[in-house]
Amino acid sequence: AAQNLICALIASLSVAFHNASNTGGGGGAQMKAGLLSEAMLQVITHKDAYDGGVLALAGTLVADVINNDPTSVSYIHSSGLAKAILDTLVPSPPVSDRKS
């Protein structure tokens, strides 16, 4: 039930930000305010607690924000969101498996 609620909330935010981009919004200000980026970071970094659908929606929301407000890219990088998304897609090998 909790995953369904999270999916619905993220999907609703994505639609709202996409529609707001037509009126000059787009979620950049909300992302830069911190609470939304912290929430997305929690979802993305705790990928074992969520299914792939939730992770995909979180990534889509971040992509929508970037698409609608390109000035948010530097914040998304500095907040750790970009790294978290990339680490989810291409995880780093364990330290013991790395070549020296």
PDB file of N, CA and C in Angstrom:
ATOM      1  N   ALA A   1       0.812  -1.192   0.000  1.00  0.00           N
ATOM      2  CA  ALA A   1       0.000   0.000   0.000  1.00  0.00           C
ATOM      3  C   ALA A   1       0.859   1.261   0.000  1.00  0.00           C
ATOM      4  N   ALA A   2       1.970   1.219   0.765  1.00  0.00           N
ATOM      5  CA  ALA A   2       2.843   2.390   0.828  1.00  0.00           C
ATOM      6  C   ALA A   2       3.498   2.655  -0.534  1.00  0.00           C
ATOM      7  N   GLN A   3       3.880   1.581  -1.235  1.00  0.00           N
ATOM      8  CA  GLN A   3       4.499   1.765  -2.551  1.00  0.00           C
ATOM      9  C   GLN A   3       3.516   2.358  -3.543  1.00  0.00           C
ATOM     10  N   ASN A   4       2.257   1.960  -3.457  1.00  0.00           N
ATOM     11  CA  ASN A   4       1.246   2.533  -4.345  1.00  0.00           C
ATOM     12  C   ASN A   4       1.068   4.022  -4.092  1.00  0.00           C
ATOM     13  N   LEU A   5       1.086   4.399  -2.812  1.00  0.00           N
ATOM     14  CA  LEU A   5       0.963   5.816  -2.456  1.00  0.00           C
ATOM     15  C   LEU A   5       2.165   6.605  -2.977  1.00  0.00           C
ATOM     16  N   ILE A   6       3.360   6.069  -2.786  1.00  0.00           N
ATOM     17  CA  ILE A   6       4.568   6.749  -3.274  1.00  0.00           C
ATOM     18  C   ILE A   6       4.530   6.880  -4.791  1.00  0.00           C
ATOM     19  N   CYS A   7       4.125   5.809  -5.479  1.00  0.00           N
ATOM     20  CA  CYS A   7       3.994   5.867  -6.949  1.00  0.00           C
ATOM     21  C   CYS A   7       3.014   6.958  -7.366  1.00  0.00           C
ATOM     22  N   ALA A   8       1.883   7.007  -6.702  1.00  0.00           N
ATOM     23  CA  ALA A   8       0.865   8.007  -7.047  1.00  0.00           C
ATOM     24  C   ALA A   8       1.367   9.421  -6.795  1.00  0.00           C
ATOM     25  N   LEU A   9       2.075   9.628  -5.683  1.00  0.00           N
ATOM     26  CA  LEU A   9       2.595  10.962  -5.366  1.00  0.00           C
ATOM     27  C   LEU A   9       3.652  11.405  -6.376  1.00  0.00           C
ATOM     28  N   ILE A  10       4.592  10.521  -6.690  1.00  0.00           N
ATOM     29  CA  ILE A  10       5.645  10.883  -7.639  1.00  0.00           C
ATOM     30  C   ILE A  10       5.055  11.126  -9.022  1.00  0.00           C
ATOM     31  N   ALA A  11       4.132  10.271  -9.447  1.00  0.00           N
ATOM     32  CA  ALA A  11       3.500  10.448 -10.759  1.00  0.00           C
ATOM     33  C   ALA A  11       2.713  11.755 -10.811  1.00  0.00           C
ATOM     34  N   SER A  12       2.028  12.083  -9.731  1.00  0.00           N
ATOM     35  CA  SER A  12       1.266  13.341  -9.684  1.00  0.00           C
ATOM     36  C   SER A  12       2.183  14.548  -9.749  1.00  0.00           C
ATOM     37  N   LEU A  13       3.287  14.493  -9.033  1.00  0.00           N
ATOM     38  CA  LEU A  13       4.252  15.598  -9.091  1.00  0.00           C
ATOM     39  C   LEU A  13       4.827  15.747 -10.485  1.00  0.00           C
ATOM     40  N   SER A  14       5.130  14.639 -11.121  1.00  0.00           N
ATOM     41  CA  SER A  14       5.687  14.690 -12.470  1.00  0.00           C
ATOM     42  C   SER A  14       4.705  15.345 -13.437  1.00  0.00           C
ATOM     43  N   VAL A  15       3.439  14.958 -13.349  1.00  0.00           N
ATOM     44  CA  VAL A  15       2.411  15.558 -14.216  1.00  0.00           C
ATOM     45  C   VAL A  15       2.234  17.039 -13.893  1.00  0.00           C
ATOM     46  N   ALA A  16       2.209  17.366 -12.601  1.00  0.00           N
ATOM     47  CA  ALA A  16       2.030  18.766 -12.198  1.00  0.00           C
ATOM     48  C   ALA A  16       3.191  19.624 -12.690  1.00  0.00           C
ATOM     49  N   PHE A  17       4.415  19.133 -12.543  1.00  0.00           N
ATOM     50  CA  PHE A  17       5.571  19.900 -12.996  1.00  0.00           C
ATOM     51  C   PHE A  17       5.608  20.002 -14.511  1.00  0.00           C
ATOM     52  N   HIS A  18       5.187  18.938 -15.181  1.00  0.00           N
ATOM     53  CA  HIS A  18       5.147  18.983 -16.645  1.00  0.00           C
ATOM     54  C   HIS A  18       4.130  20.016 -17.122  1.00  0.00           C
ATOM     55  N   ASN A  19       2.967  20.039 -16.498  1.00  0.00           N
ATOM     56  CA  ASN A  19       1.947  21.019 -16.863  1.00  0.00           C
ATOM     57  C   ASN A  19       2.364  22.431 -16.460  1.00  0.00           C
ATOM     58  N   ALA A  20       3.063  22.572 -15.338  1.00  0.00           N
ATOM     59  CA  ALA A  20       3.502  23.889 -14.870  1.00  0.00           C
ATOM     60  C   ALA A  20       4.564  24.486 -15.783  1.00  0.00           C
ATOM     61  N   SER A  21       5.261  23.628 -16.531  1.00  0.00           N
ATOM     62  CA  SER A  21       6.304  24.145 -17.421  1.00  0.00           C
ATOM     63  C   SER A  21       5.705  25.038 -18.502  1.00  0.00           C
ATOM     64  N   ASN A  22       4.442  24.834 -18.805  1.00  0.00           N
ATOM     65  CA  ASN A  22       3.768  25.675 -19.804  1.00  0.00           C
ATOM     66  C   ASN A  22       3.473  27.071 -19.259  1.00  0.00           C
ATOM     67  N   THR A  23       3.523  27.215 -17.934  1.00  0.00           N
ATOM     68  CA  THR A  23       3.234  28.513 -17.329  1.00  0.00           C
ATOM     69  C   THR A  23       4.450  29.101 -16.623  1.00  0.00           C
ATOM     70  N   GLY A  24       5.628  28.541 -16.916  1.00  0.00           N
ATOM     71  CA  GLY A  24       6.861  29.078 -16.342  1.00  0.00           C
ATOM     72  C   GLY A  24       7.337  28.361 -15.101  1.00  0.00           C
ATOM     73  N   GLY A  25       6.631  27.348 -14.648  1.00  0.00           N
ATOM     74  CA  GLY A  25       7.067  26.569 -13.481  1.00  0.00           C
ATOM     75  C   GLY A  25       7.907  25.396 -13.941  1.00  0.00           C
ATOM     76  N   GLY A  26       7.695  24.270 -13.352  1.00  0.00           N
ATOM     77  CA  GLY A  26       8.375  23.087 -13.808  1.00  0.00           C
ATOM     78  C   GLY A  26       9.101  22.316 -12.732  1.00  0.00           C
ATOM     79  N   GLY A  27       9.033  22.738 -11.494  1.00  0.00           N
ATOM     80  CA  GLY A  27       9.585  21.967 -10.401  1.00  0.00           C
ATOM     81  C   GLY A  27      10.993  22.320  -9.978  1.00  0.00           C
ATOM     82  N   GLY A  28      11.671  23.163 -10.725  1.00  0.00           N
ATOM     83  CA  GLY A  28      13.033  23.530 -10.362  1.00  0.00           C
ATOM     84  C   GLY A  28      13.120  24.187  -9.004  1.00  0.00           C
ATOM     85  N   ALA A  29      12.214  25.115  -8.735  1.00  0.00           N
ATOM     86  CA  ALA A  29      12.225  25.814  -7.438  1.00  0.00           C
ATOM     87  C   ALA A  29      11.928  24.847  -6.299  1.00  0.00           C
ATOM     88  N   GLN A  30      10.993  23.922  -6.520  1.00  0.00           N
ATOM     89  CA  GLN A  30      10.665  22.942  -5.486  1.00  0.00           C
ATOM     90  C   GLN A  30      11.845  22.008  -5.235  1.00  0.00           C
ATOM     91  N   MET A  31      12.542  21.624  -6.306  1.00  0.00           N
ATOM     92  CA  MET A  31      13.693  20.749  -6.160  1.00  0.00           C
ATOM     93  C   MET A  31      14.807  21.468  -5.400  1.00  0.00           C
ATOM     94  N   LYS A  32      15.041  22.735  -5.742  1.00  0.00           N
ATOM     95  CA  LYS A  32      16.104  23.507  -5.102  1.00  0.00           C
ATOM     96  C   LYS A  32      15.767  23.852  -3.650  1.00  0.00           C
ATOM     97  N   ALA A  33      14.502  23.834  -3.284  1.00  0.00           N
ATOM     98  CA  ALA A  33      14.108  24.123  -1.904  1.00  0.00           C
ATOM     99  C   ALA A  33      14.596  23.043  -0.948  1.00  0.00           C
ATOM    100  N   GLY A  34      14.889  21.875  -1.460  1.00  0.00           N
ATOM    101  CA  GLY A  34      15.518  20.835  -0.664  1.00  0.00           C
ATOM    102  C   GLY A  34      14.659  19.658  -0.285  1.00  0.00           C
ATOM    103  N   LEU A  35      13.420  19.872   0.091  1.00  0.00           N
ATOM    104  CA  LEU A  35      12.593  18.770   0.575  1.00  0.00           C
ATOM    105  C   LEU A  35      12.344  17.731  -0.517  1.00  0.00           C
ATOM    106  N   LEU A  36      12.026  18.186  -1.722  1.00  0.00           N
ATOM    107  CA  LEU A  36      11.761  17.255  -2.812  1.00  0.00           C
ATOM    108  C   LEU A  36      13.026  16.491  -3.196  1.00  0.00           C
ATOM    109  N   SER A  37      14.151  17.183  -3.260  1.00  0.00           N
ATOM    110  CA  SER A  37      15.388  16.483  -3.625  1.00  0.00           C
ATOM    111  C   SER A  37      15.778  15.474  -2.551  1.00  0.00           C
ATOM    112  N   GLU A  38      15.574  15.818  -1.286  1.00  0.00           N
ATOM    113  CA  GLU A  38      15.860  14.872  -0.199  1.00  0.00           C
ATOM    114  C   GLU A  38      14.971  13.639  -0.292  1.00  0.00           C
ATOM    115  N   ALA A  39      13.691  13.855  -0.605  1.00  0.00           N
ATOM    116  CA  ALA A  39      12.761  12.730  -0.735  1.00  0.00           C
ATOM    117  C   ALA A  39      13.156  11.827  -1.904  1.00  0.00           C
ATOM    118  N   MET A  40      13.492  12.426  -3.046  1.00  0.00           N
ATOM    119  CA  MET A  40      13.897  11.630  -4.204  1.00  0.00           C
ATOM    120  C   MET A  40      15.215  10.899  -3.922  1.00  0.00           C
ATOM    121  N   LEU A  41      16.114  11.542  -3.205  1.00  0.00           N
ATOM    122  CA  LEU A  41      17.381  10.910  -2.844  1.00  0.00           C
ATOM    123  C   LEU A  41      17.136   9.705  -1.934  1.00  0.00           C
ATOM    124  N   GLN A  42      16.203   9.831  -1.004  1.00  0.00           N
ATOM    125  CA  GLN A  42      15.865   8.707  -0.133  1.00  0.00           C
ATOM    126  C   GLN A  42      15.293   7.538  -0.931  1.00  0.00           C
ATOM    127  N   VAL A  43      14.406   7.832  -1.868  1.00  0.00           N
ATOM    128  CA  VAL A  43      13.817   6.770  -2.690  1.00  0.00           C
ATOM    129  C   VAL A  43      14.898   6.098  -3.526  1.00  0.00           C
ATOM    130  N   ILE A  44      15.737   6.890  -4.157  1.00  0.00           N
ATOM    131  CA  ILE A  44      16.735   6.338  -5.083  1.00  0.00           C
ATOM    132  C   ILE A  44      17.835   5.576  -4.342  1.00  0.00           C
ATOM    133  N   THR A  45      18.273   6.082  -3.198  1.00  0.00           N
ATOM    134  CA  THR A  45      19.357   5.405  -2.484  1.00  0.00           C
ATOM    135  C   THR A  45      18.874   4.196  -1.678  1.00  0.00           C
ATOM    136  N   HIS A  46      17.588   4.082  -1.468  1.00  0.00           N
ATOM    137  CA  HIS A  46      17.033   2.905  -0.776  1.00  0.00           C
ATOM    138  C   HIS A  46      16.294   2.032  -1.784  1.00  0.00           C
ATOM    139  N   LYS A  47      16.963   1.751  -2.878  1.00  0.00           N
ATOM    140  CA  LYS A  47      16.323   1.023  -3.976  1.00  0.00           C
ATOM    141  C   LYS A  47      15.849  -0.368  -3.581  1.00  0.00           C
ATOM    142  N   ASP A  48      16.455  -0.968  -2.575  1.00  0.00           N
ATOM    143  CA  ASP A  48      16.026  -2.298  -2.149  1.00  0.00           C
ATOM    144  C   ASP A  48      14.645  -2.278  -1.495  1.00  0.00           C
ATOM    145  N   ALA A  49      14.221  -1.125  -1.020  1.00  0.00           N
ATOM    146  CA  ALA A  49      12.916  -1.010  -0.361  1.00  0.00           C
ATOM    147  C   ALA A  49      11.778  -0.775  -1.352  1.00  0.00           C
ATOM    148  N   TYR A  50      12.124  -0.453  -2.595  1.00  0.00           N
ATOM    149  CA  TYR A  50      11.113  -0.122  -3.597  1.00  0.00           C
ATOM    150  C   TYR A  50      11.289  -0.992  -4.826  1.00  0.00           C
ATOM    151  N   ASP A  51      10.235  -1.088  -5.611  1.00  0.00           N
ATOM    152  CA  ASP A  51      10.360  -1.846  -6.850  1.00  0.00           C
ATOM    153  C   ASP A  51      10.861  -0.940  -7.973  1.00  0.00           C
ATOM    154  N   GLY A  52      11.102  -1.526  -9.113  1.00  0.00           N
ATOM    155  CA  GLY A  52      11.630  -0.783 -10.251  1.00  0.00           C
ATOM    156  C   GLY A  52      10.706   0.324 -10.728  1.00  0.00           C
ATOM    157  N   GLY A  53       9.410   0.157 -10.539  1.00  0.00           N
ATOM    158  CA  GLY A  53       8.457   1.181 -10.961  1.00  0.00           C
ATOM    159  C   GLY A  53       8.621   2.479 -10.195  1.00  0.00           C
ATOM    160  N   VAL A  54       8.847   2.365  -8.892  1.00  0.00           N
ATOM    161  CA  VAL A  54       9.046   3.559  -8.068  1.00  0.00           C
ATOM    162  C   VAL A  54      10.343   4.256  -8.470  1.00  0.00           C
ATOM    163  N   LEU A  55      11.400   3.477  -8.674  1.00  0.00           N
ATOM    164  CA  LEU A  55      12.675   4.063  -9.092  1.00  0.00           C
ATOM    165  C   LEU A  55      12.556   4.743 -10.451  1.00  0.00           C
ATOM    166  N   ALA A  56      11.836   4.103 -11.358  1.00  0.00           N
ATOM    167  CA  ALA A  56      11.644   4.698 -12.686  1.00  0.00           C
ATOM    168  C   ALA A  56      10.875   6.010 -12.587  1.00  0.00           C
ATOM    169  N   LEU A  57       9.850   6.049 -11.761  1.00  0.00           N
ATOM    170  CA  LEU A  57       9.085   7.290 -11.583  1.00  0.00           C
ATOM    171  C   LEU A  57       9.935   8.386 -10.955  1.00  0.00           C
ATOM    172  N   ALA A  58      10.779   8.024  -9.987  1.00  0.00           N
ATOM    173  CA  ALA A  58      11.652   9.014  -9.354  1.00  0.00           C
ATOM    174  C   ALA A  58      12.632   9.579 -10.377  1.00  0.00           C
ATOM    175  N   GLY A  59      13.209   8.715 -11.191  1.00  0.00           N
ATOM    176  CA  GLY A  59      14.111   9.172 -12.247  1.00  0.00           C
ATOM    177  C   GLY A  59      13.406  10.035 -13.270  1.00  0.00           C
ATOM    178  N   THR A  60      12.181   9.658 -13.601  1.00  0.00           N
ATOM    179  CA  THR A  60      11.386  10.445 -14.550  1.00  0.00           C
ATOM    180  C   THR A  60      11.076  11.823 -13.986  1.00  0.00           C
ATOM    181  N   LEU A  61      10.753  11.884 -12.701  1.00  0.00           N
ATOM    182  CA  LEU A  61      10.467  13.173 -12.072  1.00  0.00           C
ATOM    183  C   LEU A  61      11.692  14.083 -12.132  1.00  0.00           C
ATOM    184  N   VAL A  62      12.856  13.548 -11.800  1.00  0.00           N
ATOM    185  CA  VAL A  62      14.081  14.344 -11.856  1.00  0.00           C
ATOM    186  C   VAL A  62      14.353  14.790 -13.291  1.00  0.00           C
ATOM    187  N   ALA A  63      14.164  13.891 -14.250  1.00  0.00           N
ATOM    188  CA  ALA A  63      14.363  14.245 -15.659  1.00  0.00           C
ATOM    189  C   ALA A  63      13.376  15.322 -16.104  1.00  0.00           C
ATOM    190  N   ASP A  64      12.127  15.232 -15.658  1.00  0.00           N
ATOM    191  CA  ASP A  64      11.131  16.250 -15.998  1.00  0.00           C
ATOM    192  C   ASP A  64      11.523  17.616 -15.436  1.00  0.00           C
ATOM    193  N   VAL A  65      12.010  17.616 -14.201  1.00  0.00           N
ATOM    194  CA  VAL A  65      12.431  18.885 -13.592  1.00  0.00           C
ATOM    195  C   VAL A  65      13.579  19.483 -14.399  1.00  0.00           C
ATOM    196  N   ILE A  66      14.569  18.658 -14.752  1.00  0.00           N
ATOM    197  CA  ILE A  66      15.707  19.152 -15.541  1.00  0.00           C
ATOM    198  C   ILE A  66      15.232  19.664 -16.895  1.00  0.00           C
ATOM    199  N   ASN A  67      14.351  18.928 -17.530  1.00  0.00           N
ATOM    200  CA  ASN A  67      13.857  19.329 -18.853  1.00  0.00           C
ATOM    201  C   ASN A  67      13.104  20.650 -18.786  1.00  0.00           C
ATOM    202  N   ASN A  68      12.319  20.856 -17.731  1.00  0.00           N
ATOM    203  CA  ASN A  68      11.499  22.053 -17.618  1.00  0.00           C
ATOM    204  C   ASN A  68      12.230  23.237 -16.996  1.00  0.00           C
ATOM    205  N   ASP A  69      13.308  22.967 -16.255  1.00  0.00           N
ATOM    206  CA  ASP A  69      14.087  24.034 -15.625  1.00  0.00           C
ATOM    207  C   ASP A  69      15.568  23.663 -15.682  1.00  0.00           C
ATOM    208  N   PRO A  70      16.207  23.907 -16.815  1.00  0.00           N
ATOM    209  CA  PRO A  70      17.613  23.520 -16.972  1.00  0.00           C
ATOM    210  C   PRO A  70      18.546  24.149 -15.934  1.00  0.00           C
ATOM    211  N   THR A  71      18.128  25.239 -15.306  1.00  0.00           N
ATOM    212  CA  THR A  71      18.986  25.846 -14.280  1.00  0.00           C
ATOM    213  C   THR A  71      19.088  24.966 -13.032  1.00  0.00           C
ATOM    214  N   SER A  72      18.260  23.943 -12.927  1.00  0.00           N
ATOM    215  CA  SER A  72      18.296  23.059 -11.760  1.00  0.00           C
ATOM    216  C   SER A  72      19.376  21.986 -11.863  1.00  0.00           C
ATOM    217  N   VAL A  73      20.030  21.857 -13.011  1.00  0.00           N
ATOM    218  CA  VAL A  73      21.022  20.798 -13.209  1.00  0.00           C
ATOM    219  C   VAL A  73      22.158  20.896 -12.199  1.00  0.00           C
ATOM    220  N   SER A  74      22.689  22.088 -11.984  1.00  0.00           N
ATOM    221  CA  SER A  74      23.809  22.211 -11.045  1.00  0.00           C
ATOM    222  C   SER A  74      23.378  21.837  -9.636  1.00  0.00           C
ATOM    223  N   TYR A  75      22.159  22.183  -9.247  1.00  0.00           N
ATOM    224  CA  TYR A  75      21.675  21.797  -7.919  1.00  0.00           C
ATOM    225  C   TYR A  75      21.516  20.284  -7.832  1.00  0.00           C
ATOM    226  N   ILE A  76      20.978  19.678  -8.861  1.00  0.00           N
ATOM    227  CA  ILE A  76      20.771  18.228  -8.862  1.00  0.00           C
ATOM    228  C   ILE A  76      22.107  17.505  -8.738  1.00  0.00           C
ATOM    229  N   HIS A  77      23.130  18.036  -9.372  1.00  0.00           N
ATOM    230  CA  HIS A  77      24.467  17.446  -9.218  1.00  0.00           C
ATOM    231  C   HIS A  77      25.000  17.653  -7.804  1.00  0.00           C
ATOM    232  N   SER A  78      24.913  18.871  -7.298  1.00  0.00           N
ATOM    233  CA  SER A  78      25.483  19.160  -5.975  1.00  0.00           C
ATOM    234  C   SER A  78      24.725  18.472  -4.842  1.00  0.00           C
ATOM    235  N   SER A  79      23.455  18.172  -5.056  1.00  0.00           N
ATOM    236  CA  SER A  79      22.662  17.499  -4.015  1.00  0.00           C
ATOM    237  C   SER A  79      22.939  16.000  -3.947  1.00  0.00           C
ATOM    238  N   GLY A  80      23.616  15.463  -4.949  1.00  0.00           N
ATOM    239  CA  GLY A  80      23.903  14.032  -4.976  1.00  0.00           C
ATOM    240  C   GLY A  80      22.881  13.211  -5.740  1.00  0.00           C
ATOM    241  N   LEU A  81      21.826  13.865  -6.230  1.00  0.00           N
ATOM    242  CA  LEU A  81      20.795  13.136  -6.973  1.00  0.00           C
ATOM    243  C   LEU A  81      21.323  12.517  -8.257  1.00  0.00           C
ATOM    244  N   ALA A  82      22.105  13.266  -9.004  1.00  0.00           N
ATOM    245  CA  ALA A  82      22.629  12.745 -10.277  1.00  0.00           C
ATOM    246  C   ALA A  82      23.489  11.506 -10.021  1.00  0.00           C
ATOM    247  N   LYS A  83      24.372  11.577  -9.031  1.00  0.00           N
ATOM    248  CA  LYS A  83      25.238  10.436  -8.710  1.00  0.00           C
ATOM    249  C   LYS A  83      24.406   9.246  -8.249  1.00  0.00           C
ATOM    250  N   ALA A  84      23.397   9.494  -7.437  1.00  0.00           N
ATOM    251  CA  ALA A  84      22.552   8.405  -6.942  1.00  0.00           C
ATOM    252  C   ALA A  84      21.833   7.708  -8.092  1.00  0.00           C
ATOM    253  N   ILE A  85      21.337   8.481  -9.049  1.00  0.00           N
ATOM    254  CA  ILE A  85      20.656   7.883 -10.202  1.00  0.00           C
ATOM    255  C   ILE A  85      21.639   7.065 -11.023  1.00  0.00           C
ATOM    256  N   LEU A  86      22.803   7.619 -11.294  1.00  0.00           N
ATOM    257  CA  LEU A  86      23.806   6.886 -12.070  1.00  0.00           C
ATOM    258  C   LEU A  86      24.281   5.636 -11.333  1.00  0.00           C
ATOM    259  N   ASP A  87      24.467   5.718 -10.023  1.00  0.00           N
ATOM    260  CA  ASP A  87      24.864   4.545  -9.245  1.00  0.00           C
ATOM    261  C   ASP A  87      23.794   3.462  -9.256  1.00  0.00           C
ATOM    262  N   THR A  88      22.544   3.857  -9.345  1.00  0.00           N
ATOM    263  CA  THR A  88      21.457   2.881  -9.429  1.00  0.00           C
ATOM    264  C   THR A  88      21.481   2.168 -10.776  1.00  0.00           C
ATOM    265  N   LEU A  89      21.785   2.928 -11.819  1.00  0.00           N
ATOM    266  CA  LEU A  89      21.819   2.346 -13.162  1.00  0.00           C
ATOM    267  C   LEU A  89      23.070   1.508 -13.398  1.00  0.00           C
ATOM    268  N   VAL A  90      24.214   1.992 -12.916  1.00  0.00           N
ATOM    269  CA  VAL A  90      25.491   1.311 -13.110  1.00  0.00           C
ATOM    270  C   VAL A  90      26.195   1.263 -11.750  1.00  0.00           C
ATOM    271  N   PRO A  91      25.885   0.261 -10.944  1.00  0.00           N
ATOM    272  CA  PRO A  91      26.488   0.213  -9.613  1.00  0.00           C
ATOM    273  C   PRO A  91      28.004   0.021  -9.689  1.00  0.00           C
ATOM    274  N   SER A  92      28.706   0.598  -8.724  1.00  0.00           N
ATOM    275  CA  SER A  92      30.151   0.422  -8.635  1.00  0.00           C
ATOM    276  C   SER A  92      30.448  -0.996  -8.173  1.00  0.00           C
ATOM    277  N   PRO A  93      31.530  -1.595  -8.702  1.00  0.00           N
ATOM    278  CA  PRO A  93      31.873  -2.939  -8.237  1.00  0.00           C
ATOM    279  C   PRO A  93      32.370  -2.885  -6.791  1.00  0.00           C
ATOM    280  N   PRO A  94      32.235  -3.991  -6.063  1.00  0.00           N
ATOM    281  CA  PRO A  94      32.759  -4.010  -4.689  1.00  0.00           C
ATOM    282  C   PRO A  94      34.255  -3.701  -4.692  1.00  0.00           C
ATOM    283  N   VAL A  95      34.747  -3.169  -3.598  1.00  0.00           N
ATOM    284  CA  VAL A  95      36.145  -2.770  -3.504  1.00  0.00           C
ATOM    285  C   VAL A  95      37.072  -3.934  -3.832  1.00  0.00           C
ATOM    286  N   SER A  96      36.724  -5.137  -3.402  1.00  0.00           N
ATOM    287  CA  SER A  96      37.580  -6.309  -3.640  1.00  0.00           C
ATOM    288  C   SER A  96      37.680  -6.669  -5.119  1.00  0.00           C
ATOM    289  N   ASP A  97      36.697  -6.257  -5.940  1.00  0.00           N
ATOM    290  CA  ASP A  97      36.689  -6.578  -7.370  1.00  0.00           C
ATOM    291  C   ASP A  97      37.364  -5.519  -8.221  1.00  0.00           C
ATOM    292  N   ARG A  98      37.741  -4.399  -7.632  1.00  0.00           N
ATOM    293  CA  ARG A  98      38.346  -3.318  -8.405  1.00  0.00           C
ATOM    294  C   ARG A  98      39.798  -3.627  -8.709  1.00  0.00           C
ATOM    295  N   LYS A  99      40.202  -3.220  -9.907  1.00  0.00           N
ATOM    296  CA  LYS A  99      41.596  -3.401 -10.298  1.00  0.00           C
ATOM    297  C   LYS A  99      42.433  -2.298  -9.661  1.00  0.00           C
ATOM    298  N   SER A 100      43.623  -2.653  -9.217  1.00  0.00           N
ATOM    299  CA  SER A 100      44.475  -1.636  -8.606  1.00  0.00           C
ATOM    300  C   SER A 100      45.492  -1.077  -9.571  1.00  0.00           C
TER     301      SER A 100
END
